[in-house]
Amino acid sequence: MRSLLYIIAVILIIGWALGVFVYSATGLIHALLVIAIIALLLGFIRRGTTAY
């Protein structure tokens, strides 16, 4: 019975650690996505102004 409780505790700790890393990674992915969109918009704006 004690080994079952340890297994459950380890699974919960691993799940918590993965949740923390996934949550922080999604924030990083969103930040990179915003930076990429800004870079694309700046590229279109600069390309549009140099064409004239």
C-alpha atoms as a PDB file:
ATOM      1  CA  MET A   1       0.000   0.000   0.000  1.00  0.00           C
ATOM      2  CA  ARG A   2       2.856   2.420   0.784  1.00  0.00           C
ATOM      3  CA  SER A   3       4.510   1.759  -2.578  1.00  0.00           C
ATOM      4  CA  LEU A   4       1.219   2.592  -4.316  1.00  0.00           C
ATOM      5  CA  LEU A   5       1.079   5.933  -2.486  1.00  0.00           C
ATOM      6  CA  TYR A   6       4.675   6.676  -3.496  1.00  0.00           C
ATOM      7  CA  ILE A   7       3.892   5.855  -7.125  1.00  0.00           C
ATOM      8  CA  ILE A   8       0.859   8.155  -7.057  1.00  0.00           C
ATOM      9  CA  ALA A   9       2.935  10.904  -5.415  1.00  0.00           C
ATOM     10  CA  VAL A  10       5.668  10.574  -8.056  1.00  0.00           C
ATOM     11  CA  ILE A  11       3.113  10.652 -10.880  1.00  0.00           C
ATOM     12  CA  LEU A  12       1.504  13.778  -9.409  1.00  0.00           C
ATOM     13  CA  ILE A  13       4.879  15.515  -9.008  1.00  0.00           C
ATOM     14  CA  ILE A  14       5.852  14.651 -12.590  1.00  0.00           C
ATOM     15  CA  GLY A  15       2.482  15.911 -13.830  1.00  0.00           C
ATOM     16  CA  TRP A  16       2.904  19.142 -11.866  1.00  0.00           C
ATOM     17  CA  ALA A  17       6.423  19.665 -13.251  1.00  0.00           C
ATOM     18  CA  LEU A  18       5.234  19.052 -16.807  1.00  0.00           C
ATOM     19  CA  GLY A  19       2.336  21.456 -16.262  1.00  0.00           C
ATOM     20  CA  VAL A  20       4.699  24.176 -15.079  1.00  0.00           C
ATOM     21  CA  PHE A  21       7.014  23.689 -18.062  1.00  0.00           C
ATOM     22  CA  VAL A  22       4.164  23.495 -20.573  1.00  0.00           C
ATOM     23  CA  TYR A  23       2.536  26.619 -19.147  1.00  0.00           C
ATOM     24  CA  SER A  24       5.772  28.604 -19.269  1.00  0.00           C
ATOM     25  CA  ALA A  25       6.553  27.247 -22.745  1.00  0.00           C
ATOM     26  CA  THR A  26       3.180  28.379 -24.074  1.00  0.00           C
ATOM     27  CA  GLY A  27       3.900  31.874 -22.795  1.00  0.00           C
ATOM     28  CA  LEU A  28       7.237  31.776 -24.575  1.00  0.00           C
ATOM     29  CA  ILE A  29       5.627  30.472 -27.762  1.00  0.00           C
ATOM     30  CA  HIS A  30       3.059  33.288 -27.674  1.00  0.00           C
ATOM     31  CA  ALA A  31       5.813  35.870 -27.167  1.00  0.00           C
ATOM     32  CA  LEU A  32       7.782  34.448 -30.113  1.00  0.00           C
ATOM     33  CA  LEU A  33       4.638  34.457 -32.241  1.00  0.00           C
ATOM     34  CA  VAL A  34       4.000  38.132 -31.467  1.00  0.00           C
ATOM     35  CA  ILE A  35       7.622  38.998 -32.284  1.00  0.00           C
ATOM     36  CA  ALA A  36       7.364  37.096 -35.581  1.00  0.00           C
ATOM     37  CA  ILE A  37       4.155  38.927 -36.548  1.00  0.00           C
ATOM     38  CA  ILE A  38       5.739  42.293 -35.713  1.00  0.00           C
ATOM     39  CA  ALA A  39       8.788  41.376 -37.805  1.00  0.00           C
ATOM     40  CA  LEU A  40       6.558  40.425 -40.753  1.00  0.00           C
ATOM     41  CA  LEU A  41       4.576  43.660 -40.479  1.00  0.00           C
ATOM     42  CA  LEU A  42       7.774  45.725 -40.349  1.00  0.00           C
ATOM     43  CA  GLY A  43       9.069  43.830 -43.374  1.00  0.00           C
ATOM     44  CA  PHE A  44       5.894  44.610 -45.341  1.00  0.00           C
ATOM     45  CA  ILE A  45       5.909  48.263 -44.262  1.00  0.00           C
ATOM     46  CA  ARG A  46       9.567  48.752 -45.166  1.00  0.00           C
ATOM     47  CA  ARG A  47       9.169  46.933 -48.458  1.00  0.00           C
ATOM     48  CA  GLY A  48       6.117  49.068 -49.277  1.00  0.00           C
ATOM     49  CA  THR A  49       7.873  52.371 -48.540  1.00  0.00           C
ATOM     50  CA  THR A  50      11.016  51.534 -50.515  1.00  0.00           C
ATOM     51  CA  ALA A  51       9.028  50.553 -53.618  1.00  0.00           C
ATOM     52  CA  TYR A  52       7.807  54.107 -54.186  1.00  0.00           C
END
